[in-house]
C-alpha cells in the first residue's frame, strides 16, 4: 500500500465510557434499597416523596417489611399509580394483618384496583376472604367476577368448593369458563390434600357438555391419572430376578 503521507484515520473501536450517562439522582434506586424499614416507611408517609421513591420503597419492603409496614403499604392500594406497588410490598409479608388490610380494601375499591387486590388475596390463599369473593363472583364488572372466581379456586377448601359448584349452575355464559377453570384448580387442591372421593366427584361435575372443552379434557385426564396412580403396580426399584434354569 502506497504511503500518501496523510495521517491514519482515527480508530473506530468504540469507547465503552463514551456514551454512558449518569443516573439522575432522583432516579437512583441504590440509596433507597439500602435503607432500613423505618426509613422506608417514612418515605411512604412523606407527601413530598416522589412516585419513584415510593415505588422503590415498596419493592424493598416486599423483602424486609414487617407488621409495621402494612398500614402505609395498604394506604397505597387505592392509588391508581402506586396501588400495584403497594400490593407488591404486601403480598410476601407473612403478618396476618396483611390479609385484614386486603379484605378491607375489597369493600372500598372498584375496577382494576379491585381486580388487583382480588389477585393478591388469591395469591395469599386467605380462607377468610371466600365469602366476600363469592359475592364478587356475581359482580356486574366481568373482569372483577372472573378474577374473584379464580381467587376462590386458588384458595380452595370445602367452602370454596361448595360455592364454585353452585356457581356452575348459576353463572351466566360469559362467566362459566372462569368458574369452570376455578373448579379445576379447586378440585386439584382437594385431591392433593388427600380427599380423593370429593376431588374425583368434583372432576366429574366438569365433564358436562356445556363446560368448555379444555376444562372437560383436563378433568377427564385428571380422573384417569388418579385412577392409574391407585391401580398401577408399584415397582420396588429392585432389578427383576433372573429366570430359573
C-alpha atoms as a PDB file:
ATOM      1  CA  UNK A   1       0.000   0.000   0.000  1.00  0.00           C
ATOM      2  CA  UNK A   2       1.385   3.376  -1.017  1.00  0.00           C
ATOM      3  CA  UNK A   3       2.184   5.842   1.745  1.00  0.00           C
ATOM      4  CA  UNK A   4       0.471   9.138   0.899  1.00  0.00           C
ATOM      5  CA  UNK A   5       1.918  10.946   3.870  1.00  0.00           C
ATOM      6  CA  UNK A   6      -1.504  11.505   5.382  1.00  0.00           C
ATOM      7  CA  UNK A   7      -2.227  10.602   8.968  1.00  0.00           C
ATOM      8  CA  UNK A   8      -4.068   7.346   9.561  1.00  0.00           C
ATOM      9  CA  UNK A   9      -7.781   7.748  10.322  1.00  0.00           C
ATOM     10  CA  UNK A  10      -8.695   7.580  13.998  1.00  0.00           C
ATOM     11  CA  UNK A  11      -9.599   4.184  15.386  1.00  0.00           C
ATOM     12  CA  UNK A  12     -13.293   3.319  15.230  1.00  0.00           C
ATOM     13  CA  UNK A  13     -13.176   1.000  18.216  1.00  0.00           C
ATOM     14  CA  UNK A  14     -15.982   2.294  20.463  1.00  0.00           C
ATOM     15  CA  UNK A  15     -15.040   3.768  23.801  1.00  0.00           C
ATOM     16  CA  UNK A  16     -17.123   1.947  26.437  1.00  0.00           C
ATOM     17  CA  UNK A  17     -17.126   5.035  28.652  1.00  0.00           C
ATOM     18  CA  UNK A  18     -18.107   7.484  25.995  1.00  0.00           C
ATOM     19  CA  UNK A  19     -21.900   7.044  25.834  1.00  0.00           C
ATOM     20  CA  UNK A  20     -22.638   6.200  29.456  1.00  0.00           C
ATOM     21  CA  UNK A  21     -24.961   8.755  31.045  1.00  0.00           C
ATOM     22  CA  UNK A  22     -25.021   9.030  34.806  1.00  0.00           C
ATOM     23  CA  UNK A  23     -28.308   8.170  36.518  1.00  0.00           C
ATOM     24  CA  UNK A  24     -30.091  11.327  37.633  1.00  0.00           C
ATOM     25  CA  UNK A  25     -30.127  11.449  41.449  1.00  0.00           C
ATOM     26  CA  UNK A  26     -33.934  11.480  41.509  1.00  0.00           C
ATOM     27  CA  UNK A  27     -33.977   8.098  39.733  1.00  0.00           C
ATOM     28  CA  UNK A  28     -31.160   6.397  41.617  1.00  0.00           C
ATOM     29  CA  UNK A  29     -32.686   3.432  43.448  1.00  0.00           C
ATOM     30  CA  UNK A  30     -29.462   2.360  45.150  1.00  0.00           C
ATOM     31  CA  UNK A  31     -29.700   4.590  48.237  1.00  0.00           C
ATOM     32  CA  UNK A  32     -33.378   3.682  48.761  1.00  0.00           C
ATOM     33  CA  UNK A  33     -32.681  -0.044  48.541  1.00  0.00           C
ATOM     34  CA  UNK A  34     -30.078   0.320  51.298  1.00  0.00           C
ATOM     35  CA  UNK A  35     -32.498   1.877  53.821  1.00  0.00           C
ATOM     36  CA  UNK A  36     -33.976   0.084  56.815  1.00  0.00           C
ATOM     37  CA  UNK A  37     -37.708  -0.399  57.365  1.00  0.00           C
ATOM     38  CA  UNK A  38     -38.402   2.756  59.440  1.00  0.00           C
ATOM     39  CA  UNK A  39     -36.799   4.988  56.812  1.00  0.00           C
ATOM     40  CA  UNK A  40     -38.667   3.267  54.004  1.00  0.00           C
ATOM     41  CA  UNK A  41     -41.937   3.752  55.868  1.00  0.00           C
ATOM     42  CA  UNK A  42     -41.034   7.423  56.303  1.00  0.00           C
ATOM     43  CA  UNK A  43     -40.713   7.723  52.513  1.00  0.00           C
ATOM     44  CA  UNK A  44     -44.207   6.293  52.056  1.00  0.00           C
ATOM     45  CA  UNK A  45     -45.687   8.665  54.600  1.00  0.00           C
ATOM     46  CA  UNK A  46     -43.889  11.774  53.344  1.00  0.00           C
ATOM     47  CA  UNK A  47     -46.169  13.749  50.979  1.00  0.00           C
ATOM     48  CA  UNK A  48     -43.044  15.204  49.407  1.00  0.00           C
ATOM     49  CA  UNK A  49     -41.730  11.816  48.265  1.00  0.00           C
ATOM     50  CA  UNK A  50     -41.855  11.196  44.542  1.00  0.00           C
ATOM     51  CA  UNK A  51     -43.733   8.310  42.954  1.00  0.00           C
ATOM     52  CA  UNK A  52     -40.370   6.754  42.049  1.00  0.00           C
ATOM     53  CA  UNK A  53     -39.156   6.910  45.650  1.00  0.00           C
ATOM     54  CA  UNK A  54     -42.360   5.369  46.958  1.00  0.00           C
ATOM     55  CA  UNK A  55     -42.330   2.622  44.330  1.00  0.00           C
ATOM     56  CA  UNK A  56     -38.785   1.632  45.240  1.00  0.00           C
ATOM     57  CA  UNK A  57     -39.615   1.744  48.929  1.00  0.00           C
ATOM     58  CA  UNK A  58     -42.478  -0.687  48.283  1.00  0.00           C
ATOM     59  CA  UNK A  59     -40.172  -3.013  46.390  1.00  0.00           C
ATOM     60  CA  UNK A  60     -37.677  -3.049  49.253  1.00  0.00           C
ATOM     61  CA  UNK A  61     -40.409  -3.564  51.859  1.00  0.00           C
ATOM     62  CA  UNK A  62     -41.504  -6.673  49.960  1.00  0.00           C
ATOM     63  CA  UNK A  63     -38.205  -8.152  51.161  1.00  0.00           C
ATOM     64  CA  UNK A  64     -37.753  -6.697  54.658  1.00  0.00           C
ATOM     65  CA  UNK A  65     -41.228  -5.458  55.602  1.00  0.00           C
ATOM     66  CA  UNK A  66     -42.830  -6.440  58.917  1.00  0.00           C
ATOM     67  CA  UNK A  67     -46.179  -5.681  60.523  1.00  0.00           C
ATOM     68  CA  UNK A  68     -45.113  -2.032  60.832  1.00  0.00           C
ATOM     69  CA  UNK A  69     -45.039  -1.579  57.068  1.00  0.00           C
ATOM     70  CA  UNK A  70     -48.553  -2.934  56.475  1.00  0.00           C
ATOM     71  CA  UNK A  71     -50.585   0.262  57.151  1.00  0.00           C
ATOM     72  CA  UNK A  72     -48.517   2.572  54.903  1.00  0.00           C
ATOM     73  CA  UNK A  73     -48.469  -0.011  52.133  1.00  0.00           C
ATOM     74  CA  UNK A  74     -52.206  -0.633  52.456  1.00  0.00           C
ATOM     75  CA  UNK A  75     -52.777   3.113  52.207  1.00  0.00           C
ATOM     76  CA  UNK A  76     -51.497   2.925  48.617  1.00  0.00           C
ATOM     77  CA  UNK A  77     -53.988   0.292  47.449  1.00  0.00           C
ATOM     78  CA  UNK A  78     -56.411   2.926  46.192  1.00  0.00           C
ATOM     79  CA  UNK A  79     -53.734   4.919  44.361  1.00  0.00           C
ATOM     80  CA  UNK A  80     -54.121   4.472  40.581  1.00  0.00           C
ATOM     81  CA  UNK A  81     -50.360   4.761  40.057  1.00  0.00           C
ATOM     82  CA  UNK A  82     -48.936   3.122  43.180  1.00  0.00           C
ATOM     83  CA  UNK A  83     -51.610   0.575  44.046  1.00  0.00           C
ATOM     84  CA  UNK A  84     -49.723  -2.223  42.290  1.00  0.00           C
ATOM     85  CA  UNK A  85     -46.553  -1.335  44.201  1.00  0.00           C
ATOM     86  CA  UNK A  86     -48.460  -1.378  47.471  1.00  0.00           C
ATOM     87  CA  UNK A  87     -49.690  -4.892  46.683  1.00  0.00           C
ATOM     88  CA  UNK A  88     -46.175  -5.915  45.647  1.00  0.00           C
ATOM     89  CA  UNK A  89     -44.930  -4.882  49.068  1.00  0.00           C
ATOM     90  CA  UNK A  90     -47.773  -6.599  50.919  1.00  0.00           C
ATOM     91  CA  UNK A  91     -48.058  -9.994  49.212  1.00  0.00           C
ATOM     92  CA  UNK A  92     -44.853 -11.618  50.590  1.00  0.00           C
ATOM     93  CA  UNK A  93     -45.324 -10.185  54.104  1.00  0.00           C
ATOM     94  CA  UNK A  94     -46.229 -13.080  56.435  1.00  0.00           C
ATOM     95  CA  UNK A  95     -48.027 -10.952  59.006  1.00  0.00           C
ATOM     96  CA  UNK A  96     -51.785 -11.744  59.260  1.00  0.00           C
ATOM     97  CA  UNK A  97     -52.619  -8.028  59.252  1.00  0.00           C
ATOM     98  CA  UNK A  98     -51.900  -8.060  55.508  1.00  0.00           C
ATOM     99  CA  UNK A  99     -54.930 -10.287  54.959  1.00  0.00           C
ATOM    100  CA  UNK A 100     -57.055  -8.000  57.116  1.00  0.00           C
ATOM    101  CA  UNK A 101     -55.971  -4.994  55.055  1.00  0.00           C
ATOM    102  CA  UNK A 102     -56.662  -6.697  51.730  1.00  0.00           C
ATOM    103  CA  UNK A 103     -60.109  -7.860  52.840  1.00  0.00           C
ATOM    104  CA  UNK A 104     -60.908  -4.321  53.975  1.00  0.00           C
ATOM    105  CA  UNK A 105     -59.821  -2.974  50.591  1.00  0.00           C
ATOM    106  CA  UNK A 106     -62.375  -5.227  48.870  1.00  0.00           C
ATOM    107  CA  UNK A 107     -65.109  -3.038  50.349  1.00  0.00           C
ATOM    108  CA  UNK A 108     -63.681   0.221  49.044  1.00  0.00           C
ATOM    109  CA  UNK A 109     -62.166  -0.321  45.607  1.00  0.00           C
ATOM    110  CA  UNK A 110     -63.572  -0.766  42.131  1.00  0.00           C
ATOM    111  CA  UNK A 111     -62.343  -1.604  38.664  1.00  0.00           C
ATOM    112  CA  UNK A 112     -58.727  -2.525  38.063  1.00  0.00           C
ATOM    113  CA  UNK A 113     -57.666  -1.616  41.597  1.00  0.00           C
ATOM    114  CA  UNK A 114     -60.225  -4.079  42.954  1.00  0.00           C
ATOM    115  CA  UNK A 115     -59.055  -6.724  40.494  1.00  0.00           C
ATOM    116  CA  UNK A 116     -55.510  -6.276  41.741  1.00  0.00           C
ATOM    117  CA  UNK A 117     -56.495  -6.756  45.373  1.00  0.00           C
ATOM    118  CA  UNK A 118     -58.540  -9.852  44.477  1.00  0.00           C
ATOM    119  CA  UNK A 119     -55.495 -11.330  42.754  1.00  0.00           C
ATOM    120  CA  UNK A 120     -53.333 -10.622  45.805  1.00  0.00           C
ATOM    121  CA  UNK A 121     -55.850 -12.343  48.073  1.00  0.00           C
ATOM    122  CA  UNK A 122     -55.821 -15.348  45.770  1.00  0.00           C
ATOM    123  CA  UNK A 123     -52.025 -15.443  45.850  1.00  0.00           C
ATOM    124  CA  UNK A 124     -52.073 -15.432  49.659  1.00  0.00           C
ATOM    125  CA  UNK A 125     -54.888 -18.040  49.769  1.00  0.00           C
ATOM    126  CA  UNK A 126     -56.818 -16.298  52.530  1.00  0.00           C
ATOM    127  CA  UNK A 127     -59.762 -18.549  53.506  1.00  0.00           C
ATOM    128  CA  UNK A 128     -61.419 -15.726  55.460  1.00  0.00           C
ATOM    129  CA  UNK A 129     -61.953 -13.865  52.193  1.00  0.00           C
ATOM    130  CA  UNK A 130     -64.015 -16.583  50.499  1.00  0.00           C
ATOM    131  CA  UNK A 131     -67.425 -15.147  51.469  1.00  0.00           C
ATOM    132  CA  UNK A 132     -66.578 -11.703  50.098  1.00  0.00           C
ATOM    133  CA  UNK A 133     -65.053 -13.172  46.949  1.00  0.00           C
ATOM    134  CA  UNK A 134     -68.102 -15.351  46.276  1.00  0.00           C
ATOM    135  CA  UNK A 135     -70.272 -12.212  46.263  1.00  0.00           C
ATOM    136  CA  UNK A 136     -67.865 -10.589  43.827  1.00  0.00           C
ATOM    137  CA  UNK A 137     -68.179 -13.576  41.501  1.00  0.00           C
ATOM    138  CA  UNK A 138     -71.553 -12.098  40.525  1.00  0.00           C
ATOM    139  CA  UNK A 139     -70.299  -8.515  40.186  1.00  0.00           C
ATOM    140  CA  UNK A 140     -71.532  -6.698  37.062  1.00  0.00           C
ATOM    141  CA  UNK A 141     -67.926  -5.968  36.108  1.00  0.00           C
ATOM    142  CA  UNK A 142     -66.909  -9.137  34.196  1.00  0.00           C
ATOM    143  CA  UNK A 143     -63.219  -8.755  34.998  1.00  0.00           C
ATOM    144  CA  UNK A 144     -63.955  -8.498  38.718  1.00  0.00           C
ATOM    145  CA  UNK A 145     -66.254 -11.534  38.560  1.00  0.00           C
ATOM    146  CA  UNK A 146     -63.744 -13.669  36.653  1.00  0.00           C
ATOM    147  CA  UNK A 147     -60.836 -12.777  38.924  1.00  0.00           C
ATOM    148  CA  UNK A 148     -62.963 -13.436  42.013  1.00  0.00           C
ATOM    149  CA  UNK A 149     -63.807 -16.915  40.703  1.00  0.00           C
ATOM    150  CA  UNK A 150     -60.131 -17.623  40.035  1.00  0.00           C
ATOM    151  CA  UNK A 151     -59.184 -16.476  43.543  1.00  0.00           C
ATOM    152  CA  UNK A 152     -61.838 -18.703  45.140  1.00  0.00           C
ATOM    153  CA  UNK A 153     -60.495 -21.681  43.204  1.00  0.00           C
ATOM    154  CA  UNK A 154     -56.940 -20.918  44.235  1.00  0.00           C
ATOM    155  CA  UNK A 155     -57.872 -20.602  47.921  1.00  0.00           C
ATOM    156  CA  UNK A 156     -59.742 -23.899  47.782  1.00  0.00           C
ATOM    157  CA  UNK A 157     -61.186 -25.863  50.668  1.00  0.00           C
ATOM    158  CA  UNK A 158     -64.727 -27.113  51.369  1.00  0.00           C
ATOM    159  CA  UNK A 159     -66.320 -23.646  51.481  1.00  0.00           C
ATOM    160  CA  UNK A 160     -64.774 -22.617  48.180  1.00  0.00           C
ATOM    161  CA  UNK A 161     -65.688 -25.938  46.575  1.00  0.00           C
ATOM    162  CA  UNK A 162     -69.343 -25.605  47.554  1.00  0.00           C
ATOM    163  CA  UNK A 163     -69.549 -22.038  46.248  1.00  0.00           C
ATOM    164  CA  UNK A 164     -67.942 -22.982  42.934  1.00  0.00           C
ATOM    165  CA  UNK A 165     -70.231 -25.978  42.447  1.00  0.00           C
ATOM    166  CA  UNK A 166     -73.241 -23.708  42.934  1.00  0.00           C
ATOM    167  CA  UNK A 167     -71.734 -21.209  40.519  1.00  0.00           C
ATOM    168  CA  UNK A 168     -71.534 -23.882  37.824  1.00  0.00           C
ATOM    169  CA  UNK A 169     -75.345 -23.793  37.678  1.00  0.00           C
ATOM    170  CA  UNK A 170     -75.854 -20.101  38.442  1.00  0.00           C
ATOM    171  CA  UNK A 171     -73.138 -18.440  36.406  1.00  0.00           C
ATOM    172  CA  UNK A 172     -74.039 -16.702  33.184  1.00  0.00           C
ATOM    173  CA  UNK A 173     -72.488 -17.938  29.969  1.00  0.00           C
ATOM    174  CA  UNK A 174     -69.753 -15.285  29.986  1.00  0.00           C
ATOM    175  CA  UNK A 175     -68.617 -16.245  33.469  1.00  0.00           C
ATOM    176  CA  UNK A 176     -68.847 -20.023  33.059  1.00  0.00           C
ATOM    177  CA  UNK A 177     -65.317 -20.524  31.606  1.00  0.00           C
ATOM    178  CA  UNK A 178     -63.763 -18.702  34.568  1.00  0.00           C
ATOM    179  CA  UNK A 179     -65.850 -20.666  37.073  1.00  0.00           C
ATOM    180  CA  UNK A 180     -65.033 -23.957  35.345  1.00  0.00           C
ATOM    181  CA  UNK A 181     -61.332 -23.153  35.391  1.00  0.00           C
ATOM    182  CA  UNK A 182     -61.544 -22.241  39.075  1.00  0.00           C
ATOM    183  CA  UNK A 183     -63.311 -25.550  39.770  1.00  0.00           C
ATOM    184  CA  UNK A 184     -60.488 -27.384  38.057  1.00  0.00           C
ATOM    185  CA  UNK A 185     -57.899 -25.704  40.285  1.00  0.00           C
ATOM    186  CA  UNK A 186     -60.019 -26.298  43.379  1.00  0.00           C
ATOM    187  CA  UNK A 187     -60.500 -29.992  42.557  1.00  0.00           C
ATOM    188  CA  UNK A 188     -56.772 -30.400  42.075  1.00  0.00           C
ATOM    189  CA  UNK A 189     -56.175 -28.883  45.516  1.00  0.00           C
ATOM    190  CA  UNK A 190     -58.762 -31.152  47.154  1.00  0.00           C
ATOM    191  CA  UNK A 191     -57.157 -34.219  45.599  1.00  0.00           C
ATOM    192  CA  UNK A 192     -53.693 -33.059  46.612  1.00  0.00           C
ATOM    193  CA  UNK A 193     -54.847 -32.761  50.227  1.00  0.00           C
ATOM    194  CA  UNK A 194     -55.922 -36.385  50.253  1.00  0.00           C
ATOM    195  CA  UNK A 195     -59.691 -36.131  49.810  1.00  0.00           C
ATOM    196  CA  UNK A 196     -59.837 -38.482  46.862  1.00  0.00           C
ATOM    197  CA  UNK A 197     -63.601 -39.057  46.884  1.00  0.00           C
ATOM    198  CA  UNK A 198     -64.573 -35.381  46.835  1.00  0.00           C
ATOM    199  CA  UNK A 199     -61.820 -34.492  44.381  1.00  0.00           C
ATOM    200  CA  UNK A 200     -62.934 -37.094  41.844  1.00  0.00           C
ATOM    201  CA  UNK A 201     -66.591 -36.128  42.314  1.00  0.00           C
ATOM    202  CA  UNK A 202     -65.661 -32.525  41.591  1.00  0.00           C
ATOM    203  CA  UNK A 203     -63.870 -33.543  38.405  1.00  0.00           C
ATOM    204  CA  UNK A 204     -66.976 -35.455  37.296  1.00  0.00           C
ATOM    205  CA  UNK A 205     -69.017 -32.241  37.501  1.00  0.00           C
ATOM    206  CA  UNK A 206     -66.657 -30.704  34.968  1.00  0.00           C
ATOM    207  CA  UNK A 207     -67.455 -33.297  32.304  1.00  0.00           C
ATOM    208  CA  UNK A 208     -70.798 -31.711  31.402  1.00  0.00           C
ATOM    209  CA  UNK A 209     -71.247 -30.820  27.747  1.00  0.00           C
ATOM    210  CA  UNK A 210     -71.681 -27.121  28.471  1.00  0.00           C
ATOM    211  CA  UNK A 211     -68.292 -26.935  30.219  1.00  0.00           C
ATOM    212  CA  UNK A 212     -65.560 -25.526  27.954  1.00  0.00           C
ATOM    213  CA  UNK A 213     -63.764 -28.332  26.146  1.00  0.00           C
ATOM    214  CA  UNK A 214     -60.260 -27.616  27.534  1.00  0.00           C
ATOM    215  CA  UNK A 215     -61.607 -27.889  31.084  1.00  0.00           C
ATOM    216  CA  UNK A 216     -63.541 -31.089  30.282  1.00  0.00           C
ATOM    217  CA  UNK A 217     -60.444 -32.689  28.797  1.00  0.00           C
ATOM    218  CA  UNK A 218     -58.307 -31.637  31.752  1.00  0.00           C
ATOM    219  CA  UNK A 219     -60.873 -33.084  34.172  1.00  0.00           C
ATOM    220  CA  UNK A 220     -61.016 -36.375  32.242  1.00  0.00           C
ATOM    221  CA  UNK A 221     -57.238 -36.612  32.203  1.00  0.00           C
ATOM    222  CA  UNK A 222     -57.072 -35.884  35.957  1.00  0.00           C
ATOM    223  CA  UNK A 223     -59.572 -38.669  36.700  1.00  0.00           C
ATOM    224  CA  UNK A 224     -57.662 -41.156  34.544  1.00  0.00           C
ATOM    225  CA  UNK A 225     -54.368 -40.169  36.144  1.00  0.00           C
ATOM    226  CA  UNK A 226     -55.847 -40.532  39.632  1.00  0.00           C
ATOM    227  CA  UNK A 227     -57.219 -43.978  38.822  1.00  0.00           C
ATOM    228  CA  UNK A 228     -53.935 -45.147  37.320  1.00  0.00           C
ATOM    229  CA  UNK A 229     -51.992 -43.886  40.330  1.00  0.00           C
ATOM    230  CA  UNK A 230     -54.045 -46.236  42.525  1.00  0.00           C
ATOM    231  CA  UNK A 231     -54.261 -49.333  40.310  1.00  0.00           C
ATOM    232  CA  UNK A 232     -50.809 -49.266  38.714  1.00  0.00           C
ATOM    233  CA  UNK A 233     -48.483 -51.885  40.253  1.00  0.00           C
ATOM    234  CA  UNK A 234     -45.807 -50.305  42.388  1.00  0.00           C
ATOM    235  CA  UNK A 235     -42.215 -51.044  41.439  1.00  0.00           C
ATOM    236  CA  UNK A 236     -39.870 -51.899  44.281  1.00  0.00           C
ATOM    237  CA  UNK A 237     -36.966 -50.417  42.362  1.00  0.00           C
ATOM    238  CA  UNK A 238     -35.056 -53.700  42.507  1.00  0.00           C
ATOM    239  CA  UNK A 239     -33.812 -55.464  39.409  1.00  0.00           C
ATOM    240  CA  UNK A 240     -36.033 -58.362  38.261  1.00  0.00           C
ATOM    241  CA  UNK A 241     -34.942 -61.791  39.387  1.00  0.00           C
ATOM    242  CA  UNK A 242     -33.244 -63.898  36.709  1.00  0.00           C
ATOM    243  CA  UNK A 243     -35.347 -66.745  35.274  1.00  0.00           C
ATOM    244  CA  UNK A 244     -34.907 -70.126  36.842  1.00  0.00           C
ATOM    245  CA  UNK A 245     -32.965 -72.708  34.865  1.00  0.00           C
END
